[in-house]
C-alpha atoms as a PDB file:
ATOM      1  CA  MET A   1     -11.736  -6.282   5.034  1.00  0.00           C
ATOM      2  CA  THR A   2     -10.418  -9.318   3.780  1.00  0.00           C
ATOM      3  CA  ASP A   3     -11.323 -10.570   0.305  1.00  0.00           C
ATOM      4  CA  LEU A   4     -10.078 -14.000   0.874  1.00  0.00           C
ATOM      5  CA  LYS A   5     -12.475 -16.799  -0.271  1.00  0.00           C
ATOM      6  CA  LEU A   6     -12.394 -20.437  -0.283  1.00  0.00           C
ATOM      7  CA  PHE A   7     -14.259 -22.804  -2.587  1.00  0.00           C
ATOM      8  CA  ARG A   8     -14.993 -26.681  -2.368  1.00  0.00           C
ATOM      9  CA  ILE A   9     -14.974 -28.326  -5.892  1.00  0.00           C
ATOM     10  CA  ASP A  10     -17.226 -31.047  -6.433  1.00  0.00           C
ATOM     11  CA  GLY A  11     -18.160 -32.452  -9.511  1.00  0.00           C
ATOM     12  CA  GLY A  12     -16.716 -29.562 -11.436  1.00  0.00           C
ATOM     13  CA  ARG A  13     -19.002 -27.222  -9.465  1.00  0.00           C
ATOM     14  CA  ALA A  14     -17.899 -24.582  -7.021  1.00  0.00           C
ATOM     15  CA  SER A  15     -19.478 -23.802  -3.837  1.00  0.00           C
ATOM     16  CA  GLU A  16     -18.236 -21.220  -1.398  1.00  0.00           C
ATOM     17  CA  LEU A  17     -17.243 -21.797   2.121  1.00  0.00           C
ATOM     18  CA  THR A  18     -18.023 -19.532   4.834  1.00  0.00           C
ATOM     19  CA  SER A  19     -15.466 -18.193   6.806  1.00  0.00           C
ATOM     20  CA  GLN A  20     -15.979 -16.866  10.575  1.00  0.00           C
ATOM     21  CA  SER A  21     -14.076 -15.952  13.874  1.00  0.00           C
ATOM     22  CA  PHE A  22     -13.333 -18.183  16.507  1.00  0.00           C
ATOM     23  CA  ALA A  23     -15.921 -18.515  19.025  1.00  0.00           C
ATOM     24  CA  LEU A  24     -13.403 -17.768  21.795  1.00  0.00           C
ATOM     25  CA  GLU A  25     -10.018 -15.933  21.406  1.00  0.00           C
ATOM     26  CA  ARG A  26      -8.491 -18.882  23.761  1.00  0.00           C
ATOM     27  CA  ASN A  27      -9.566 -21.258  21.233  1.00  0.00           C
ATOM     28  CA  LEU A  28      -7.543 -19.634  18.642  1.00  0.00           C
ATOM     29  CA  GLN A  29      -4.314 -19.175  20.832  1.00  0.00           C
ATOM     30  CA  THR A  30      -4.332 -22.995  21.783  1.00  0.00           C
ATOM     31  CA  LEU A  31      -4.582 -23.742  18.060  1.00  0.00           C
ATOM     32  CA  ILE A  32      -1.556 -21.618  17.441  1.00  0.00           C
ATOM     33  CA  GLU A  33       0.570 -22.426  20.299  1.00  0.00           C
ATOM     34  CA  GLU A  34       0.305 -26.325  19.378  1.00  0.00           C
ATOM     35  CA  ASN A  35       0.961 -25.509  15.659  1.00  0.00           C
ATOM     36  CA  MET A  36       3.283 -22.652  16.149  1.00  0.00           C
ATOM     37  CA  GLU A  37       6.600 -24.220  14.591  1.00  0.00           C
ATOM     38  CA  VAL A  38       4.538 -25.548  11.479  1.00  0.00           C
ATOM     39  CA  THR A  39       2.408 -22.098  10.925  1.00  0.00           C
ATOM     40  CA  PHE A  40       5.229 -19.713  11.755  1.00  0.00           C
ATOM     41  CA  GLY A  41       8.487 -21.489  11.823  1.00  0.00           C
ATOM     42  CA  VAL A  42       8.550 -20.398  15.856  1.00  0.00           C
ATOM     43  CA  LYS A  43       9.346 -22.658  18.583  1.00  0.00           C
ATOM     44  CA  PHE A  44       6.479 -22.401  21.326  1.00  0.00           C
ATOM     45  CA  LEU A  45       8.200 -21.120  24.693  1.00  0.00           C
ATOM     46  CA  ALA A  46       5.312 -20.329  27.291  1.00  0.00           C
ATOM     47  CA  THR A  47       1.476 -19.029  27.285  1.00  0.00           C
ATOM     48  CA  GLU A  48       0.011 -16.240  29.266  1.00  0.00           C
ATOM     49  CA  TYR A  49       3.571 -15.239  30.537  1.00  0.00           C
ATOM     50  CA  SER A  50       3.322 -12.808  33.433  1.00  0.00           C
ATOM     51  CA  THR A  51       5.035  -9.568  33.367  1.00  0.00           C
ATOM     52  CA  GLY A  52       5.047  -9.265  37.061  1.00  0.00           C
ATOM     53  CA  LYS A  53       3.621  -7.049  39.679  1.00  0.00           C
ATOM     54  CA  VAL A  54       4.855  -3.862  38.375  1.00  0.00           C
ATOM     55  CA  HIS A  55       3.569  -4.183  34.582  1.00  0.00           C
ATOM     56  CA  ARG A  56       0.815  -6.161  35.616  1.00  0.00           C
ATOM     57  CA  GLY A  57       0.281  -7.942  32.323  1.00  0.00           C
ATOM     58  CA  ARG A  58       0.252 -11.527  30.415  1.00  0.00           C
ATOM     59  CA  ILE A  59       1.801 -11.893  27.198  1.00  0.00           C
ATOM     60  CA  ASP A  60      -0.258 -14.294  25.335  1.00  0.00           C
ATOM     61  CA  SER A  61       2.445 -16.331  23.939  1.00  0.00           C
ATOM     62  CA  LEU A  62       6.228 -16.469  23.644  1.00  0.00           C
ATOM     63  CA  GLY A  63       8.493 -18.171  21.086  1.00  0.00           C
ATOM     64  CA  LEU A  64      11.880 -18.025  19.467  1.00  0.00           C
ATOM     65  CA  ASP A  65      11.873 -18.028  15.946  1.00  0.00           C
ATOM     66  CA  GLU A  66      14.138 -20.052  13.496  1.00  0.00           C
ATOM     67  CA  ASN A  67      16.682 -17.107  13.482  1.00  0.00           C
ATOM     68  CA  GLY A  68      16.919 -16.991  17.060  1.00  0.00           C
ATOM     69  CA  SER A  69      14.845 -13.704  17.377  1.00  0.00           C
ATOM     70  CA  PRO A  70      12.274 -13.473  20.342  1.00  0.00           C
ATOM     71  CA  VAL A  71       8.724 -13.198  19.145  1.00  0.00           C
ATOM     72  CA  ILE A  72       5.608 -12.287  21.100  1.00  0.00           C
ATOM     73  CA  PHE A  73       2.221 -13.335  19.798  1.00  0.00           C
ATOM     74  CA  GLU A  74      -1.243 -11.401  20.721  1.00  0.00           C
ATOM     75  CA  TYR A  75      -4.410 -12.607  19.520  1.00  0.00           C
ATOM     76  CA  LYS A  76      -8.020 -10.701  18.940  1.00  0.00           C
ATOM     77  CA  ARG A  77     -11.206 -12.267  18.035  1.00  0.00           C
ATOM     78  CA  THR A  78     -12.293  -8.947  16.348  1.00  0.00           C
ATOM     79  CA  SER A  79     -10.699  -6.132  14.431  1.00  0.00           C
ATOM     80  CA  ASN A  80     -11.617  -3.442  16.989  1.00  0.00           C
ATOM     81  CA  GLU A  81      -9.342  -4.529  20.057  1.00  0.00           C
ATOM     82  CA  ASN A  82      -6.453  -2.721  20.678  1.00  0.00           C
ATOM     83  CA  VAL A  83      -3.968  -5.586  19.958  1.00  0.00           C
ATOM     84  CA  ILE A  84      -1.169  -3.409  18.259  1.00  0.00           C
ATOM     85  CA  ASN A  85      -0.654  -1.258  21.273  1.00  0.00           C
ATOM     86  CA  GLN A  86      -0.893  -3.955  23.687  1.00  0.00           C
ATOM     87  CA  GLY A  87       1.760  -5.956  21.911  1.00  0.00           C
ATOM     88  CA  LEU A  88       4.157  -3.005  21.642  1.00  0.00           C
ATOM     89  CA  PHE A  89       4.047  -2.517  25.138  1.00  0.00           C
ATOM     90  CA  TYR A  90       4.963  -6.087  25.907  1.00  0.00           C
ATOM     91  CA  LEU A  91       7.627  -5.701  23.273  1.00  0.00           C
ATOM     92  CA  ASP A  92       9.210  -3.041  25.343  1.00  0.00           C
ATOM     93  CA  TRP A  93       9.132  -4.998  28.448  1.00  0.00           C
ATOM     94  CA  LEU A  94      10.697  -8.050  27.007  1.00  0.00           C
ATOM     95  CA  MET A  95      13.862  -5.954  25.558  1.00  0.00           C
ATOM     96  CA  ASP A  96      14.045  -4.496  29.457  1.00  0.00           C
ATOM     97  CA  HIS A  97      14.079  -8.251  31.009  1.00  0.00           C
ATOM     98  CA  LYS A  98      16.264 -10.120  28.416  1.00  0.00           C
ATOM     99  CA  GLY A  99      18.020 -12.131  30.943  1.00  0.00           C
ATOM    100  CA  GLU A 100      14.403 -13.582  32.172  1.00  0.00           C
ATOM    101  CA  PHE A 101      13.642 -14.519  28.691  1.00  0.00           C
ATOM    102  CA  GLN A 102      17.139 -15.998  28.315  1.00  0.00           C
ATOM    103  CA  ILE A 103      16.594 -18.054  31.615  1.00  0.00           C
ATOM    104  CA  LEU A 104      12.982 -19.245  29.882  1.00  0.00           C
ATOM    105  CA  VAL A 105      14.829 -20.238  26.795  1.00  0.00           C
ATOM    106  CA  ALA A 106      17.307 -22.111  28.491  1.00  0.00           C
ATOM    107  CA  SER A 107      14.870 -23.894  30.493  1.00  0.00           C
ATOM    108  CA  GLN A 108      12.672 -24.868  27.293  1.00  0.00           C
ATOM    109  CA  LEU A 109      15.228 -25.157  24.471  1.00  0.00           C
ATOM    110  CA  GLY A 110      18.469 -25.623  26.528  1.00  0.00           C
ATOM    111  CA  THR A 111      21.519 -23.332  27.154  1.00  0.00           C
ATOM    112  CA  ALA A 112      22.921 -23.286  23.532  1.00  0.00           C
ATOM    113  CA  ALA A 113      19.707 -21.730  22.319  1.00  0.00           C
ATOM    114  CA  ALA A 114      19.504 -19.320  25.140  1.00  0.00           C
ATOM    115  CA  GLU A 115      23.148 -18.308  24.275  1.00  0.00           C
ATOM    116  CA  SER A 116      22.604 -17.969  20.704  1.00  0.00           C
ATOM    117  CA  ILE A 117      19.429 -15.798  21.051  1.00  0.00           C
ATOM    118  CA  ASP A 118      19.466 -12.625  18.576  1.00  0.00           C
ATOM    119  CA  TRP A 119      18.299  -9.443  20.194  1.00  0.00           C
ATOM    120  CA  SER A 120      18.447  -7.423  17.157  1.00  0.00           C
ATOM    121  CA  ALA A 121      15.085  -8.193  15.743  1.00  0.00           C
ATOM    122  CA  PRO A 122      12.556  -9.154  18.288  1.00  0.00           C
ATOM    123  CA  ARG A 123       9.100  -9.790  16.839  1.00  0.00           C
ATOM    124  CA  LEU A 124       5.612  -8.891  17.633  1.00  0.00           C
ATOM    125  CA  ILE A 125       2.883 -10.967  15.548  1.00  0.00           C
ATOM    126  CA  CYS A 126      -0.647  -9.788  16.224  1.00  0.00           C
ATOM    127  CA  VAL A 127      -3.234 -12.241  14.870  1.00  0.00           C
ATOM    128  CA  ALA A 128      -7.088 -11.190  14.402  1.00  0.00           C
ATOM    129  CA  ASN A 129      -9.765 -12.020  12.401  1.00  0.00           C
ATOM    130  CA  ASP A 130      -9.638  -8.472  10.390  1.00  0.00           C
ATOM    131  CA  PHE A 131      -7.546  -5.400  10.834  1.00  0.00           C
ATOM    132  CA  THR A 132      -8.497  -1.862   9.708  1.00  0.00           C
ATOM    133  CA  ARG A 133      -6.654   0.316   7.244  1.00  0.00           C
ATOM    134  CA  TYR A 134      -5.603   2.464  10.323  1.00  0.00           C
ATOM    135  CA  ASP A 135      -3.986  -0.583  11.853  1.00  0.00           C
ATOM    136  CA  GLU A 136      -1.919  -1.189   8.731  1.00  0.00           C
ATOM    137  CA  TYR A 137      -1.076   2.710   8.599  1.00  0.00           C
ATOM    138  CA  ALA A 138      -0.204   2.741  11.701  1.00  0.00           C
ATOM    139  CA  VAL A 139       2.352  -0.292  11.942  1.00  0.00           C
ATOM    140  CA  LYS A 140       4.189   1.265   9.054  1.00  0.00           C
ATOM    141  CA  GLN A 141       4.948   4.191  11.004  1.00  0.00           C
ATOM    142  CA  ILE A 142       6.388   1.953  14.024  1.00  0.00           C
ATOM    143  CA  ASP A 143      10.425   1.563  14.130  1.00  0.00           C
ATOM    144  CA  ARG A 144       9.545  -2.195  15.187  1.00  0.00           C
ATOM    145  CA  ASN A 145       9.422  -5.515  13.581  1.00  0.00           C
ATOM    146  CA  VAL A 146       5.377  -5.908  13.511  1.00  0.00           C
ATOM    147  CA  GLU A 147       3.460  -8.400  11.501  1.00  0.00           C
ATOM    148  CA  LEU A 148      -0.478  -8.275  11.390  1.00  0.00           C
ATOM    149  CA  VAL A 149      -1.630 -11.834  10.648  1.00  0.00           C
ATOM    150  CA  ARG A 150      -5.264 -12.319   9.376  1.00  0.00           C
ATOM    151  CA  TYR A 151      -6.941 -15.594  10.079  1.00  0.00           C
ATOM    152  CA  ARG A 152      -9.963 -17.179   8.377  1.00  0.00           C
ATOM    153  CA  ASP A 153     -11.635 -20.118  10.159  1.00  0.00           C
ATOM    154  CA  PHE A 154     -13.636 -22.159   7.280  1.00  0.00           C
ATOM    155  CA  GLY A 155     -14.695 -25.313   9.420  1.00  0.00           C
ATOM    156  CA  SER A 156     -13.999 -28.501   8.247  1.00  0.00           C
ATOM    157  CA  ASP A 157     -10.611 -28.507   9.706  1.00  0.00           C
ATOM    158  CA  LEU A 158      -9.696 -25.503   7.405  1.00  0.00           C
ATOM    159  CA  LEU A 159      -7.768 -22.440   8.693  1.00  0.00           C
ATOM    160  CA  ALA A 160      -6.300 -19.875   6.690  1.00  0.00           C
ATOM    161  CA  ILE A 161      -3.547 -17.412   7.775  1.00  0.00           C
ATOM    162  CA  GLU A 162      -2.587 -14.407   5.679  1.00  0.00           C
ATOM    163  CA  LEU A 163       0.182 -11.976   6.044  1.00  0.00           C
ATOM    164  CA  VAL A 164      -1.480  -8.403   5.777  1.00  0.00           C
ATOM    165  CA  THR A 165       1.215  -6.212   6.823  1.00  0.00           C
ATOM    166  CA  SER A 166       4.528  -6.541   7.964  1.00  0.00           C
ATOM    167  CA  VAL A 167       7.611  -3.930   8.810  1.00  0.00           C
ATOM    168  CA  SER A 168      11.393  -5.074   9.478  1.00  0.00           C
ATOM    169  CA  THR A 169      13.766  -3.066  11.180  1.00  0.00           C
ATOM    170  CA  GLN A 170      17.786  -3.242  11.087  1.00  0.00           C
ATOM    171  CA  THR A 171      20.130  -3.729  13.926  1.00  0.00           C
ATOM    172  CA  THR A 172      20.842   0.012  13.782  1.00  0.00           C
ATOM    173  CA  GLY A 173      17.124   1.136  14.609  1.00  0.00           C
ATOM    174  CA  THR A 174      16.495   2.070  11.210  1.00  0.00           C
ATOM    175  CA  ARG A 175      13.289   0.692   9.446  1.00  0.00           C
ATOM    176  CA  ARG A 176      13.828  -1.173   5.914  1.00  0.00           C
ATOM    177  CA  SER A 177      10.602  -1.930   3.930  1.00  0.00           C
ATOM    178  CA  SER A 178      10.696  -5.251   2.074  1.00  0.00           C
ATOM    179  CA  SER A 179      11.429  -3.919  -1.186  1.00  0.00           C
ATOM    180  CA  SER A 180      14.221  -1.624  -0.001  1.00  0.00           C
ATOM    181  CA  PRO A 181      17.743  -2.958  -1.312  1.00  0.00           C
ATOM    182  CA  ALA A 182      20.877  -3.228   0.934  1.00  0.00           C
ATOM    183  CA  THR A 183      23.697  -0.581   0.157  1.00  0.00           C
ATOM    184  CA  LEU A 184      27.158  -1.823  -0.214  1.00  0.00           C
ATOM    185  CA  SER A 185      30.614  -0.066   0.976  1.00  0.00           C
ATOM    186  CA  SER A 186      33.276  -0.042  -1.507  1.00  0.00           C
ATOM    187  CA  PRO A 187      34.884  -3.988  -1.816  1.00  0.00           C
ATOM    188  CA  ALA A 188      38.032  -4.247   0.140  1.00  0.00           C
ATOM    189  CA  THR A 189      41.460  -4.368  -1.690  1.00  0.00           C
ATOM    190  CA  THR A 190      42.958  -6.374   0.984  1.00  0.00           C
ATOM    191  CA  THR A 191      43.514 -10.135   0.321  1.00  0.00           C
ATOM    192  CA  LYS A 192      44.275 -11.077   4.017  1.00  0.00           C
ATOM    193  CA  LYS A 193      42.092 -14.175   5.114  1.00  0.00           C
ATOM    194  CA  VAL A 194      38.568 -13.769   6.325  1.00  0.00           C
ATOM    195  CA  SER A 195      37.660 -15.136   9.439  1.00  0.00           C
ATOM    196  CA  ARG A 196      34.233 -16.687  10.019  1.00  0.00           C
ATOM    197  CA  ASN A 197      33.541 -14.462  13.102  1.00  0.00           C
ATOM    198  CA  LYS A 198      33.107 -11.596  10.556  1.00  0.00           C
ATOM    199  CA  THR A 199      29.378 -10.620  10.198  1.00  0.00           C
ATOM    200  CA  VAL A 200      27.704 -11.645   7.068  1.00  0.00           C
ATOM    201  CA  ALA A 201      27.521  -7.582   6.187  1.00  0.00           C
ATOM    202  CA  GLU A 202      31.285  -7.112   6.656  1.00  0.00           C
ATOM    203  CA  LEU A 203      32.008 -10.321   4.499  1.00  0.00           C
ATOM    204  CA  LEU A 204      29.717  -8.681   1.869  1.00  0.00           C
ATOM    205  CA  SER A 205      31.959  -5.373   2.015  1.00  0.00           C
ATOM    206  CA  GLN A 206      35.019  -7.496   1.465  1.00  0.00           C
ATOM    207  CA  ALA A 207      33.424  -9.118  -1.856  1.00  0.00           C
ATOM    208  CA  ASP A 208      34.657  -8.184  -5.322  1.00  0.00           C
ATOM    209  CA  VAL A 209      32.318  -6.418  -7.628  1.00  0.00           C
ATOM    210  CA  GLU A 210      31.141  -9.514  -9.362  1.00  0.00           C
ATOM    211  CA  LEU A 211      30.233 -11.513  -5.938  1.00  0.00           C
ATOM    212  CA  SER A 212      28.751  -8.396  -4.797  1.00  0.00           C
ATOM    213  CA  ALA A 213      26.651  -7.905  -7.896  1.00  0.00           C
ATOM    214  CA  LEU A 214      25.608 -11.709  -7.690  1.00  0.00           C
ATOM    215  CA  TYR A 215      24.150 -11.084  -4.149  1.00  0.00           C
ATOM    216  CA  LEU A 216      22.200  -7.838  -4.842  1.00  0.00           C
ATOM    217  CA  LYS A 217      20.931  -9.507  -7.896  1.00  0.00           C
ATOM    218  CA  PHE A 218      19.622 -12.480  -5.756  1.00  0.00           C
ATOM    219  CA  GLU A 219      18.577 -10.172  -2.962  1.00  0.00           C
ATOM    220  CA  ALA A 220      16.479  -8.071  -5.622  1.00  0.00           C
ATOM    221  CA  PHE A 221      14.821 -11.199  -6.958  1.00  0.00           C
ATOM    222  CA  ALA A 222      14.085 -12.667  -3.584  1.00  0.00           C
ATOM    223  CA  LEU A 223      12.425  -9.307  -2.488  1.00  0.00           C
ATOM    224  CA  SER A 224      10.365  -9.278  -5.849  1.00  0.00           C
ATOM    225  CA  LEU A 225       8.646 -12.553  -5.101  1.00  0.00           C
ATOM    226  CA  GLY A 226       5.978 -10.748  -3.103  1.00  0.00           C
ATOM    227  CA  ASP A 227       5.218  -7.464  -0.984  1.00  0.00           C
ATOM    228  CA  ASP A 228       5.245 -10.263   2.124  1.00  0.00           C
ATOM    229  CA  VAL A 229       8.806 -10.839   1.689  1.00  0.00           C
ATOM    230  CA  ILE A 230      11.006  -9.464   4.432  1.00  0.00           C
ATOM    231  CA  LYS A 231      14.772  -9.485   4.464  1.00  0.00           C
ATOM    232  CA  ASN A 232      16.529  -9.653   8.093  1.00  0.00           C
ATOM    233  CA  GLU A 233      20.369  -9.469   8.585  1.00  0.00           C
ATOM    234  CA  ARG A 234      21.514 -11.686  11.002  1.00  0.00           C
ATOM    235  CA  SER A 235      25.361 -12.099  12.094  1.00  0.00           C
ATOM    236  CA  LEU A 236      26.096 -14.811   9.788  1.00  0.00           C
ATOM    237  CA  TYR A 237      23.718 -14.986   6.890  1.00  0.00           C
ATOM    238  CA  PHE A 238      20.640 -12.875   5.494  1.00  0.00           C
ATOM    239  CA  ALA A 239      17.505 -14.756   5.843  1.00  0.00           C
ATOM    240  CA  PHE A 240      14.501 -13.797   3.626  1.00  0.00           C
ATOM    241  CA  ARG A 241      10.982 -14.903   5.022  1.00  0.00           C
ATOM    242  CA  ARG A 242       7.345 -14.389   4.511  1.00  0.00           C
ATOM    243  CA  LEU A 243       5.845 -15.735   7.627  1.00  0.00           C
ATOM    244  CA  LYS A 244       8.690 -18.331   7.757  1.00  0.00           C
ATOM    245  CA  ASN A 245      12.087 -18.372   6.100  1.00  0.00           C
ATOM    246  CA  PHE A 246      11.980 -19.643   2.750  1.00  0.00           C
ATOM    247  CA  ALA A 247      15.867 -18.652   1.737  1.00  0.00           C
ATOM    248  CA  CYS A 248      19.222 -17.847   3.607  1.00  0.00           C
ATOM    249  CA  VAL A 249      22.289 -16.798   2.220  1.00  0.00           C
ATOM    250  CA  GLU A 250      25.930 -16.699   3.334  1.00  0.00           C
ATOM    251  CA  VAL A 251      28.805 -14.603   1.576  1.00  0.00           C
ATOM    252  CA  HIS A 252      32.258 -16.322   1.085  1.00  0.00           C
ATOM    253  CA  PRO A 253      34.484 -13.525  -0.531  1.00  0.00           C
ATOM    254  CA  THR A 254      37.410 -15.924   0.012  1.00  0.00           C
ATOM    255  CA  SER A 255      35.966 -18.492  -2.486  1.00  0.00           C
ATOM    256  CA  ARG A 256      34.216 -16.422  -4.237  1.00  0.00           C
ATOM    257  CA  ASN A 257      30.569 -17.656  -3.797  1.00  0.00           C
ATOM    258  CA  LEU A 258      27.413 -17.477  -2.408  1.00  0.00           C
ATOM    259  CA  LEU A 259      25.666 -20.199  -0.420  1.00  0.00           C
ATOM    260  CA  VAL A 260      22.088 -19.793  -0.522  1.00  0.00           C
ATOM    261  CA  TYR A 261      20.027 -22.232   1.304  1.00  0.00           C
ATOM    262  CA  LEU A 262      16.400 -22.888   0.465  1.00  0.00           C
ATOM    263  CA  LYS A 263      13.486 -24.627   2.675  1.00  0.00           C
ATOM    264  CA  ILE A 264      12.523 -27.111   0.054  1.00  0.00           C
ATOM    265  CA  ASP A 265      12.911 -30.997   0.080  1.00  0.00           C
ATOM    266  CA  PRO A 266      16.389 -31.837  -1.535  1.00  0.00           C
ATOM    267  CA  LYS A 267      14.846 -35.099  -2.616  1.00  0.00           C
ATOM    268  CA  SER A 268      12.057 -33.162  -4.807  1.00  0.00           C
ATOM    269  CA  VAL A 269      15.050 -31.721  -6.911  1.00  0.00           C
ATOM    270  CA  GLN A 270      17.225 -33.055  -9.558  1.00  0.00           C
ATOM    271  CA  LEU A 271      20.677 -32.154  -7.888  1.00  0.00           C
ATOM    272  CA  VAL A 272      23.613 -30.623 -10.044  1.00  0.00           C
ATOM    273  CA  GLU A 273      27.187 -31.490  -8.959  1.00  0.00           C
ATOM    274  CA  GLY A 274      28.981 -28.872  -7.949  1.00  0.00           C
ATOM    275  CA  PHE A 275      25.994 -26.566  -7.860  1.00  0.00           C
ATOM    276  CA  SER A 276      23.334 -28.067  -5.804  1.00  0.00           C
ATOM    277  CA  ARG A 277      23.292 -30.542  -2.777  1.00  0.00           C
ATOM    278  CA  ASP A 278      21.436 -32.006   0.120  1.00  0.00           C
ATOM    279  CA  VAL A 279      22.590 -30.479   3.426  1.00  0.00           C
ATOM    280  CA  SER A 280      19.938 -32.000   5.580  1.00  0.00           C
ATOM    281  CA  ASN A 281      22.517 -33.788   7.427  1.00  0.00           C
ATOM    282  CA  ILE A 282      25.069 -31.391   7.221  1.00  0.00           C
ATOM    283  CA  GLY A 283      25.445 -28.485   9.806  1.00  0.00           C
ATOM    284  CA  HIS A 284      25.198 -24.937   8.010  1.00  0.00           C
ATOM    285  CA  PHE A 285      24.184 -21.387   9.121  1.00  0.00           C
ATOM    286  CA  GLY A 286      20.556 -20.458   8.619  1.00  0.00           C
ATOM    287  CA  THR A 287      17.564 -22.701   7.490  1.00  0.00           C
ATOM    288  CA  GLY A 288      16.665 -24.708   4.454  1.00  0.00           C
ATOM    289  CA  ASP A 289      17.942 -28.336   3.339  1.00  0.00           C
ATOM    290  CA  LEU A 290      18.917 -27.662  -0.264  1.00  0.00           C
ATOM    291  CA  GLU A 291      22.315 -25.727  -0.800  1.00  0.00           C
ATOM    292  CA  LEU A 292      22.874 -23.728  -3.867  1.00  0.00           C
ATOM    293  CA  ARG A 293      26.754 -22.761  -4.503  1.00  0.00           C
ATOM    294  CA  ILE A 294      26.461 -19.636  -6.894  1.00  0.00           C
ATOM    295  CA  SER A 295      29.676 -18.166  -8.225  1.00  0.00           C
ATOM    296  CA  ASN A 296      28.480 -16.965 -11.626  1.00  0.00           C
ATOM    297  CA  MET A 297      25.338 -16.463 -13.689  1.00  0.00           C
ATOM    298  CA  ALA A 298      25.866 -20.287 -15.254  1.00  0.00           C
ATOM    299  CA  ASN A 299      22.614 -21.321 -13.299  1.00  0.00           C
ATOM    300  CA  TRP A 300      20.724 -18.502 -12.797  1.00  0.00           C
ATOM    301  CA  VAL A 301      17.577 -19.541 -14.306  1.00  0.00           C
ATOM    302  CA  LEU A 302      17.902 -22.629 -11.928  1.00  0.00           C
ATOM    303  CA  VAL A 303      18.401 -20.406  -8.880  1.00  0.00           C
ATOM    304  CA  GLU A 304      15.355 -18.298  -9.600  1.00  0.00           C
ATOM    305  CA  GLU A 305      13.108 -21.483 -10.118  1.00  0.00           C
ATOM    306  CA  LEU A 306      14.143 -23.151  -6.942  1.00  0.00           C
ATOM    307  CA  THR A 307      13.958 -19.969  -5.003  1.00  0.00           C
ATOM    308  CA  ARG A 308      10.475 -19.174  -6.265  1.00  0.00           C
ATOM    309  CA  GLN A 309       9.466 -22.922  -5.210  1.00  0.00           C
ATOM    310  CA  ALA A 310      10.815 -22.319  -1.901  1.00  0.00           C
ATOM    311  CA  TYR A 311       8.661 -18.801  -1.671  1.00  0.00           C
ATOM    312  CA  ALA A 312       5.825 -20.945  -2.408  1.00  0.00           C
ATOM    313  CA  ALA A 313       6.195 -23.576  -0.067  1.00  0.00           C
ATOM    314  CA  ASN A 314       6.658 -21.300   3.030  1.00  0.00           C
END
């Protein structure tokens, strides 16, 4: 059971707010669908989406996350309802109906979004008032991107959401826990020009020893910020997220630097020439409006401080 408690402070005295579940599952669903991008970083696509006559089901909510991955939401008001198995059934259906999903994305978000869907890491987000320890154990045995999210309704326009358990899989189908670092192949000795159509993993394999060590140091720090941190490898960048991305990393072996994009307001940061800049109006891969250019350890304390701020804000 959750031990999340919320208190109202009045005149220096604390009074506990009592939480409750939503009276109707549909009320919770509507609230999240109307605020999906703010709460989860996911663009809403459809509600109660039919899986057709053969599968005879309805997916509670469908969305597309900020990394281009399909997302299924399933909601349950009580902890004893079988939300996980139901969600996994729909996840399998989704992977067998990619074309149908692509048409949906194109109709809602445009052709460009539909053509850039990342099918390597579709996500299932199960939202419930609570989960049992057996639910949490079962999710860890599943080779799928599954997240258990607990909500608490405190009334007075207060809603708390908490990531209970998350499991991330790689494009090869191998599960990676939130604390597992990447493994690197030996740096390439060739000096030929790196093409931008190479994946971030390929670019990292071509980085020299110093740049590889910088990336591994950043990855280790980002993952150490909390048990809820998940690393996802996208085609052109590494994303680090909780419920939403807080950092994205590009690797540039030719210029020998990392470009780290943090999701915090650049106006709240004192920018350092050659190190940090506001890219809110400049195109780049991944998410985040503050860019950090890292080529050595000179500003590492600041890198950690700003990354910690981004983690806390998301």
